[in-house]
C-alpha atoms as a PDB file:
ATOM      1  CA  MET A   1       0.001   0.008  -0.009  1.00  0.00           C
ATOM      2  CA  ALA A   2       1.338   3.441  -0.933  1.00  0.00           C
ATOM      3  CA  ASN A   3       2.280   5.797   1.898  1.00  0.00           C
ATOM      4  CA  ASP A   4       0.084   8.837   2.454  1.00  0.00           C
ATOM      5  CA  ASP A   5       1.634  12.229   1.472  1.00  0.00           C
ATOM      6  CA  PHE A   6       0.127  13.867   4.565  1.00  0.00           C
ATOM      7  CA  SER A   7       0.158  13.345   8.317  1.00  0.00           C
ATOM      8  CA  PRO A   8      -2.784  11.381   9.860  1.00  0.00           C
ATOM      9  CA  LEU A   9      -4.975  13.120  12.376  1.00  0.00           C
ATOM     10  CA  GLY A  10      -3.588  11.149  15.264  1.00  0.00           C
ATOM     11  CA  CYS A  11      -6.924  10.364  16.912  1.00  0.00           C
ATOM     12  CA  ALA A  12      -6.352   7.303  19.077  1.00  0.00           C
ATOM     13  CA  SER A  13      -8.972   4.875  17.759  1.00  0.00           C
ATOM     14  CA  SER A  14      -9.215   2.315  15.021  1.00  0.00           C
ATOM     15  CA  ASP A  15     -12.968   2.480  14.965  1.00  0.00           C
ATOM     16  CA  ALA A  16     -14.548   5.313  12.971  1.00  0.00           C
ATOM     17  CA  GLY A  17     -17.793   4.896  14.885  1.00  0.00           C
ATOM     18  CA  ASP A  18     -16.170   5.246  18.303  1.00  0.00           C
ATOM     19  CA  ASP A  19     -17.353   8.273  20.357  1.00  0.00           C
ATOM     20  CA  GLY A  20     -13.855   9.263  21.379  1.00  0.00           C
ATOM     21  CA  TYR A  21     -12.555   9.107  17.814  1.00  0.00           C
ATOM     22  CA  GLU A  22     -15.466  11.092  16.445  1.00  0.00           C
ATOM     23  CA  GLY A  23     -15.026  13.749  19.155  1.00  0.00           C
ATOM     24  CA  CYS A  24     -11.337  13.991  18.354  1.00  0.00           C
ATOM     25  CA  VAL A  25     -11.989  14.406  14.629  1.00  0.00           C
ATOM     26  CA  LEU A  26     -14.693  16.981  15.204  1.00  0.00           C
ATOM     27  CA  GLU A  27     -12.375  19.022  17.415  1.00  0.00           C
ATOM     28  CA  LEU A  28      -9.594  18.957  14.820  1.00  0.00           C
ATOM     29  CA  VAL A  29     -11.969  19.835  12.029  1.00  0.00           C
ATOM     30  CA  SER A  30     -13.408  22.701  14.114  1.00  0.00           C
ATOM     31  CA  ARG A  31      -9.872  24.032  14.685  1.00  0.00           C
ATOM     32  CA  SER A  32      -9.223  23.856  10.946  1.00  0.00           C
ATOM     33  CA  GLU A  33     -12.391  25.817  10.267  1.00  0.00           C
ATOM     34  CA  ALA A  34     -11.472  28.399  12.852  1.00  0.00           C
ATOM     35  CA  GLY A  35      -8.042  28.740  11.243  1.00  0.00           C
ATOM     36  CA  PHE A  36      -9.638  29.229   7.828  1.00  0.00           C
ATOM     37  CA  ARG A  37     -11.907  31.927   9.230  1.00  0.00           C
ATOM     38  CA  ALA A  38      -8.958  33.657  10.906  1.00  0.00           C
ATOM     39  CA  ARG A  39      -6.977  33.697   7.680  1.00  0.00           C
ATOM     40  CA  LEU A  40      -9.947  35.191   5.800  1.00  0.00           C
ATOM     41  CA  GLU A  41     -10.488  37.814   8.500  1.00  0.00           C
ATOM     42  CA  ARG A  42      -6.819  38.805   8.370  1.00  0.00           C
ATOM     43  CA  GLY A  43      -7.136  39.227   4.605  1.00  0.00           C
ATOM     44  CA  VAL A  44     -10.276  41.342   4.971  1.00  0.00           C
ATOM     45  CA  ASP A  45      -8.674  43.391   7.753  1.00  0.00           C
ATOM     46  CA  GLY A  46      -5.710  43.959   5.491  1.00  0.00           C
ATOM     47  CA  LEU A  47      -7.907  45.249   2.694  1.00  0.00           C
ATOM     48  CA  LEU A  48      -9.848  47.486   5.073  1.00  0.00           C
ATOM     49  CA  SER A  49      -6.579  48.889   6.530  1.00  0.00           C
ATOM     50  CA  SER A  50      -5.332  49.673   3.027  1.00  0.00           C
ATOM     51  CA  VAL A  51      -8.526  51.501   2.092  1.00  0.00           C
ATOM     52  CA  GLN A  52      -8.450  53.493   5.312  1.00  0.00           C
ATOM     53  CA  MET A  53      -4.826  54.499   4.768  1.00  0.00           C
ATOM     54  CA  LEU A  54      -5.497  55.511   1.164  1.00  0.00           C
ATOM     55  CA  ASN A  55      -8.614  57.500   2.083  1.00  0.00           C
ATOM     56  CA  ARG A  56      -6.727  59.560   4.680  1.00  0.00           C
ATOM     57  CA  SER A  57      -3.745  60.015   2.359  1.00  0.00           C
ATOM     58  CA  ILE A  58      -6.053  61.357  -0.368  1.00  0.00           C
ATOM     59  CA  LEU A  59      -7.640  63.745   2.187  1.00  0.00           C
ATOM     60  CA  ALA A  60      -4.170  64.898   3.202  1.00  0.00           C
ATOM     61  CA  VAL A  61      -3.222  65.628  -0.421  1.00  0.00           C
ATOM     62  CA  ASP A  62      -6.435  67.566  -0.893  1.00  0.00           C
ATOM     63  CA  ARG A  63      -5.625  69.744   2.121  1.00  0.00           C
ATOM     64  CA  LEU A  64      -2.243  70.424   0.493  1.00  0.00           C
ATOM     65  CA  LEU A  65      -3.952  71.419  -2.774  1.00  0.00           C
ATOM     66  CA  TRP A  66      -6.317  73.715  -0.838  1.00  0.00           C
ATOM     67  CA  ARG A  67      -3.495  75.575   0.864  1.00  0.00           C
ATOM     68  CA  LEU A  68      -1.134  75.851  -2.092  1.00  0.00           C
ATOM     69  CA  GLN A  69      -3.647  77.413  -4.524  1.00  0.00           C
ATOM     70  CA  PRO A  70      -5.601  80.682  -4.395  1.00  0.00           C
ATOM     71  CA  PRO A  71      -9.418  80.630  -4.334  1.00  0.00           C
ATOM     72  CA  ALA A  72      -9.711  81.366  -8.010  1.00  0.00           C
ATOM     73  CA  THR A  73     -10.646  79.804 -11.314  1.00  0.00           C
ATOM     74  CA  GLY A  74      -8.188  77.010 -11.984  1.00  0.00           C
ATOM     75  CA  ARG A  75      -7.906  75.672  -8.454  1.00  0.00           C
ATOM     76  CA  ILE A  76      -7.619  71.857  -8.426  1.00  0.00           C
ATOM     77  CA  ARG A  77      -9.187  69.832  -5.634  1.00  0.00           C
ATOM     78  CA  VAL A  78     -10.294  66.300  -4.783  1.00  0.00           C
ATOM     79  CA  LEU A  79     -14.055  65.788  -4.536  1.00  0.00           C
ATOM     80  CA  TRP A  80     -15.973  62.704  -3.338  1.00  0.00           C
ATOM     81  CA  ARG A  81     -19.202  61.276  -4.608  1.00  0.00           C
ATOM     82  CA  LYS A  82     -21.414  58.311  -3.904  1.00  0.00           C
ATOM     83  CA  THR A  83     -20.888  55.451  -6.287  1.00  0.00           C
ATOM     84  CA  PRO A  84     -23.762  54.834  -8.692  1.00  0.00           C
ATOM     85  CA  SER A  85     -23.870  51.090  -8.036  1.00  0.00           C
ATOM     86  CA  ARG A  86     -26.584  50.028  -5.627  1.00  0.00           C
ATOM     87  CA  SER A  87     -24.576  46.927  -4.594  1.00  0.00           C
ATOM     88  CA  ASP A  88     -21.911  49.119  -3.009  1.00  0.00           C
ATOM     89  CA  GLY A  89     -24.265  50.615  -0.445  1.00  0.00           C
ATOM     90  CA  ASP A  90     -22.785  53.774   1.049  1.00  0.00           C
ATOM     91  CA  ALA A  91     -19.524  53.570  -0.893  1.00  0.00           C
ATOM     92  CA  VAL A  92     -17.904  56.752  -2.150  1.00  0.00           C
ATOM     93  CA  GLU A  93     -15.089  57.504  -4.584  1.00  0.00           C
ATOM     94  CA  PRO A  94     -12.688  60.402  -4.967  1.00  0.00           C
ATOM     95  CA  TYR A  95     -11.888  62.259  -8.139  1.00  0.00           C
ATOM     96  CA  LEU A  96      -9.939  65.361  -9.226  1.00  0.00           C
ATOM     97  CA  VAL A  97     -11.757  68.485 -10.346  1.00  0.00           C
ATOM     98  CA  LYS A  98     -10.916  71.977 -11.476  1.00  0.00           C
ATOM     99  CA  TRP A  99     -12.921  74.875 -10.089  1.00  0.00           C
ATOM    100  CA  LYS A 100     -14.301  77.558 -12.357  1.00  0.00           C
ATOM    101  CA  GLN A 101     -16.013  80.761 -11.302  1.00  0.00           C
ATOM    102  CA  VAL A 102     -19.220  81.483 -13.208  1.00  0.00           C
ATOM    103  CA  ARG A 103     -21.923  84.065 -12.975  1.00  0.00           C
ATOM    104  CA  ARG A 104     -23.988  82.190 -10.445  1.00  0.00           C
ATOM    105  CA  GLY A 105     -21.048  80.984  -8.337  1.00  0.00           C
ATOM    106  CA  TRP A 106     -18.749  78.092  -8.925  1.00  0.00           C
ATOM    107  CA  GLN A 107     -18.782  74.906 -11.010  1.00  0.00           C
ATOM    108  CA  THR A 108     -16.451  71.990 -11.204  1.00  0.00           C
ATOM    109  CA  ILE A 109     -14.934  70.287 -14.242  1.00  0.00           C
ATOM    110  CA  ARG A 110     -13.863  66.699 -13.737  1.00  0.00           C
ATOM    111  CA  LEU A 111     -10.272  66.090 -14.779  1.00  0.00           C
ATOM    112  CA  GLY A 112      -9.160  63.055 -16.743  1.00  0.00           C
ATOM    113  CA  THR A 113      -6.069  60.895 -16.804  1.00  0.00           C
ATOM    114  CA  ARG A 114      -3.816  63.858 -17.542  1.00  0.00           C
ATOM    115  CA  ALA A 115      -4.969  66.045 -14.664  1.00  0.00           C
ATOM    116  CA  GLU A 116      -1.432  67.368 -14.042  1.00  0.00           C
ATOM    117  CA  LYS A 117      -1.600  69.181 -17.396  1.00  0.00           C
ATOM    118  CA  SER A 118      -4.371  71.334 -15.926  1.00  0.00           C
ATOM    119  CA  VAL A 119      -2.251  72.907 -13.217  1.00  0.00           C
ATOM    120  CA  GLU A 120      -2.226  76.663 -13.586  1.00  0.00           C
ATOM    121  CA  SER A 121       0.998  78.716 -13.427  1.00  0.00           C
ATOM    122  CA  TRP A 122      -0.345  82.306 -13.552  1.00  0.00           C
ATOM    123  CA  GLY A 123      -2.665  84.666 -11.656  1.00  0.00           C
ATOM    124  CA  GLY A 124      -1.405  83.692  -8.173  1.00  0.00           C
ATOM    125  CA  PHE A 125      -0.823  80.019  -9.040  1.00  0.00           C
ATOM    126  CA  GLU A 126       2.793  80.403 -10.200  1.00  0.00           C
ATOM    127  CA  ARG A 127       4.426  80.337  -6.747  1.00  0.00           C
ATOM    128  CA  HIS A 128       3.517  76.679  -5.907  1.00  0.00           C
ATOM    129  CA  SER A 129       2.671  75.351  -9.389  1.00  0.00           C
ATOM    130  CA  ASP A 130       5.453  72.735  -9.186  1.00  0.00           C
ATOM    131  CA  GLU A 131       4.323  71.460  -5.806  1.00  0.00           C
ATOM    132  CA  VAL A 132       0.705  71.446  -7.001  1.00  0.00           C
ATOM    133  CA  ARG A 133       1.617  69.404 -10.033  1.00  0.00           C
ATOM    134  CA  GLU A 134       3.432  66.848  -7.865  1.00  0.00           C
ATOM    135  CA  ALA A 135       0.480  66.761  -5.467  1.00  0.00           C
ATOM    136  CA  VAL A 136      -1.931  66.104  -8.382  1.00  0.00           C
ATOM    137  CA  LEU A 137       0.279  63.244  -9.591  1.00  0.00           C
ATOM    138  CA  LEU A 138       0.312  61.826  -6.066  1.00  0.00           C
ATOM    139  CA  ALA A 139      -3.454  62.092  -5.806  1.00  0.00           C
ATOM    140  CA  LYS A 140      -3.810  60.244  -9.106  1.00  0.00           C
ATOM    141  CA  ARG A 141      -1.644  57.358  -7.872  1.00  0.00           C
ATOM    142  CA  LEU A 142      -3.533  57.153  -4.585  1.00  0.00           C
ATOM    143  CA  ILE A 143      -6.947  57.158  -6.319  1.00  0.00           C
ATOM    144  CA  ALA A 144      -5.822  54.451  -8.759  1.00  0.00           C
ATOM    145  CA  ARG A 145      -4.435  52.301  -5.940  1.00  0.00           C
ATOM    146  CA  ARG A 146      -7.603  52.734  -3.969  1.00  0.00           C
ATOM    147  CA  SER A 147      -9.668  51.539  -6.924  1.00  0.00           C
ATOM    148  CA  GLN A 148      -7.457  48.423  -7.232  1.00  0.00           C
ATOM    149  CA  VAL A 149      -7.827  47.534  -3.557  1.00  0.00           C
ATOM    150  CA  LEU A 150     -11.621  48.012  -3.687  1.00  0.00           C
ATOM    151  CA  ALA A 151     -11.833  45.845  -6.775  1.00  0.00           C
ATOM    152  CA  ARG A 152     -10.039  43.044  -4.888  1.00  0.00           C
ATOM    153  CA  GLY A 153     -12.460  43.376  -1.982  1.00  0.00           C
ATOM    154  CA  ARG A 154     -15.440  43.370  -4.318  1.00  0.00           C
ATOM    155  CA  GLU A 155     -14.186  40.202  -6.061  1.00  0.00           C
ATOM    156  CA  LEU A 156     -13.740  38.502  -2.660  1.00  0.00           C
ATOM    157  CA  GLN A 157     -17.231  39.538  -1.614  1.00  0.00           C
ATOM    158  CA  LEU A 158     -18.924  38.411  -4.824  1.00  0.00           C
ATOM    159  CA  SER A 159     -16.907  35.157  -4.907  1.00  0.00           C
ATOM    160  CA  GLY A 160     -17.870  34.336  -1.380  1.00  0.00           C
ATOM    161  CA  GLU A 161     -21.535  35.076  -1.908  1.00  0.00           C
ATOM    162  CA  GLU A 162     -21.595  33.017  -5.163  1.00  0.00           C
ATOM    163  CA  ARG A 163     -19.852  30.086  -3.528  1.00  0.00           C
ATOM    164  CA  GLY A 164     -22.227  30.287  -0.555  1.00  0.00           C
ATOM    165  CA  ARG A 165     -25.252  29.981  -2.806  1.00  0.00           C
ATOM    166  CA  SER A 166     -23.588  27.157  -4.742  1.00  0.00           C
ATOM    167  CA  ASN A 167     -22.635  25.269  -1.608  1.00  0.00           C
ATOM    168  CA  ALA A 168     -26.186  25.560  -0.231  1.00  0.00           C
ATOM    169  CA  MET A 169     -27.512  23.887  -3.385  1.00  0.00           C
ATOM    170  CA  HIS A 170     -24.773  21.260  -3.313  1.00  0.00           C
ATOM    171  CA  ALA A 171     -25.500  20.498   0.400  1.00  0.00           C
ATOM    172  CA  LYS A 172     -29.138  19.716  -0.551  1.00  0.00           C
ATOM    173  CA  THR A 173     -27.915  17.351  -3.264  1.00  0.00           C
ATOM    174  CA  VAL A 174     -25.520  15.592  -0.882  1.00  0.00           C
ATOM    175  CA  ARG A 175     -28.215  15.161   1.718  1.00  0.00           C
ATOM    176  CA  ARG A 176     -30.515  13.509  -0.817  1.00  0.00           C
ATOM    177  CA  GLU A 177     -27.668  11.119  -1.795  1.00  0.00           C
ATOM    178  CA  ILE A 178     -27.067  10.214   1.870  1.00  0.00           C
ATOM    179  CA  GLU A 179     -30.763   9.620   2.373  1.00  0.00           C
ATOM    180  CA  ARG A 180     -30.829   7.392  -0.677  1.00  0.00           C
ATOM    181  CA  LEU A 181     -27.893   5.324   0.657  1.00  0.00           C
ATOM    182  CA  VAL A 182     -29.507   5.029   4.094  1.00  0.00           C
ATOM    183  CA  ASP A 183     -32.739   3.831   2.506  1.00  0.00           C
ATOM    184  CA  ARG A 184     -30.858   1.208   0.442  1.00  0.00           C
ATOM    185  CA  ALA A 185     -28.968   0.019   3.538  1.00  0.00           C
ATOM    186  CA  GLN A 186     -32.229  -0.270   5.486  1.00  0.00           C
ATOM    187  CA  GLU A 187     -33.792  -2.332   2.748  1.00  0.00           C
ATOM    188  CA  LYS A 188     -30.853  -4.802   2.904  1.00  0.00           C
ATOM    189  CA  SER A 189     -30.856  -5.079   6.712  1.00  0.00           C
ATOM    190  CA  ASP A 190     -31.882  -8.482   8.091  1.00  0.00           C
ATOM    191  CA  GLY A 191     -34.150  -8.947  11.058  1.00  0.00           C
ATOM    192  CA  GLU A 192     -31.313  -8.900  13.590  1.00  0.00           C
ATOM    193  CA  ASP A 193     -29.998  -5.504  12.597  1.00  0.00           C
ATOM    194  CA  MET A 194     -31.315  -2.233  13.949  1.00  0.00           C
ATOM    195  CA  LEU A 195     -32.353   0.243  11.264  1.00  0.00           C
ATOM    196  CA  LEU A 196     -29.657   2.792  10.396  1.00  0.00           C
ATOM    197  CA  SER A 197     -30.567   6.193  11.833  1.00  0.00           C
ATOM    198  CA  LEU A 198     -30.388   9.092   9.396  1.00  0.00           C
ATOM    199  CA  SER A 199     -29.950  11.518  12.255  1.00  0.00           C
ATOM    200  CA  TYR A 200     -26.880   9.643  13.415  1.00  0.00           C
ATOM    201  CA  VAL A 201     -25.353   9.755   9.937  1.00  0.00           C
ATOM    202  CA  LEU A 202     -26.069  13.472   9.527  1.00  0.00           C
ATOM    203  CA  GLU A 203     -25.409  14.727  13.026  1.00  0.00           C
ATOM    204  CA  GLY A 204     -23.275  12.063  14.692  1.00  0.00           C
ATOM    205  CA  SER A 205     -25.695  11.680  17.641  1.00  0.00           C
ATOM    206  CA  ARG A 206     -25.699   8.014  18.712  1.00  0.00           C
ATOM    207  CA  VAL A 207     -29.209   6.588  18.707  1.00  0.00           C
ATOM    208  CA  SER A 208     -28.070   3.200  19.955  1.00  0.00           C
ATOM    209  CA  LYS A 209     -24.836   1.259  20.289  1.00  0.00           C
ATOM    210  CA  LEU A 210     -24.674  -2.517  20.025  1.00  0.00           C
ATOM    211  CA  GLY A 211     -21.893  -4.715  21.306  1.00  0.00           C
ATOM    212  CA  SER A 212     -19.801  -7.353  19.646  1.00  0.00           C
ATOM    213  CA  HIS A 213     -21.649  -9.841  17.461  1.00  0.00           C
ATOM    214  CA  ASP A 214     -19.062 -12.400  16.447  1.00  0.00           C
ATOM    215  CA  SER A 215     -15.442 -13.450  16.535  1.00  0.00           C
ATOM    216  CA  ASP A 216     -14.555 -11.222  13.550  1.00  0.00           C
ATOM    217  CA  ASN A 217     -14.777  -8.096  15.754  1.00  0.00           C
ATOM    218  CA  MET A 218     -17.829  -6.820  13.919  1.00  0.00           C
ATOM    219  CA  PHE A 219     -19.663  -3.997  15.662  1.00  0.00           C
ATOM    220  CA  ALA A 220     -23.079  -2.549  15.037  1.00  0.00           C
ATOM    221  CA  HIS A 221     -23.213   1.265  15.139  1.00  0.00           C
ATOM    222  CA  GLY A 222     -26.546   2.885  14.418  1.00  0.00           C
ATOM    223  CA  GLY A 223     -27.746  -0.320  12.787  1.00  0.00           C
ATOM    224  CA  LEU A 224     -24.879  -1.136  10.340  1.00  0.00           C
ATOM    225  CA  ARG A 225     -22.116  -3.545  11.201  1.00  0.00           C
ATOM    226  CA  VAL A 226     -18.748  -1.860  10.955  1.00  0.00           C
ATOM    227  CA  SER A 227     -15.388  -3.657  11.122  1.00  0.00           C
ATOM    228  CA  ARG A 228     -12.410  -2.171  13.001  1.00  0.00           C
ATOM    229  CA  GLY A 229     -10.011  -0.135  10.907  1.00  0.00           C
ATOM    230  CA  THR A 230     -12.712   1.636   8.841  1.00  0.00           C
ATOM    231  CA  ASN A 231     -11.624   5.168   9.773  1.00  0.00           C
ATOM    232  CA  ARG A 232      -9.199   5.387   6.898  1.00  0.00           C
END
């Protein structure tokens, strides 16, 4: 027989139906599930931390833009708006704009990928035009990075939701298969055997436990005779 490429669980029982063995396995499986959850939570926490850092960095750059430019037509700032997608809830996104004074007040013009080309260098803007240009470039990088991080988070969210729905459907199919196998086993049981309990198979709760039946070390657990060494 070929050797396994992984370490066995180490639960001290050769009988898969033994209470101690099953309790040991359930404990190890629960630990594994908790570890999986912890790894996911660390990943989510990392994404959230990145978004928070980027948000505050963008706000800091906007303060810099506000102080380095006069309150006149041509001033570049970072504005925020709610995202149009309903699935994002209260999500917002930043974008660069250029202010323009009009007859009724002020209006903004959204800047594109070459926002740094819109930096003014006259009418009071000339003193810090170089710093403003660098600040605009920095804001562009931060906004782009923020979009990437949010996209990863959205992919994780949608992937998890989709897999959750798929697993729920798969679980129903698996339960039907188990029920079918239990029914078949019950049909083949002779008069001396106790009927196999579906609740025991699904939940692990022992309905009854029978002792040894013969010299071959055959044991009846939940109605089916199980030989030692079946926990492999």
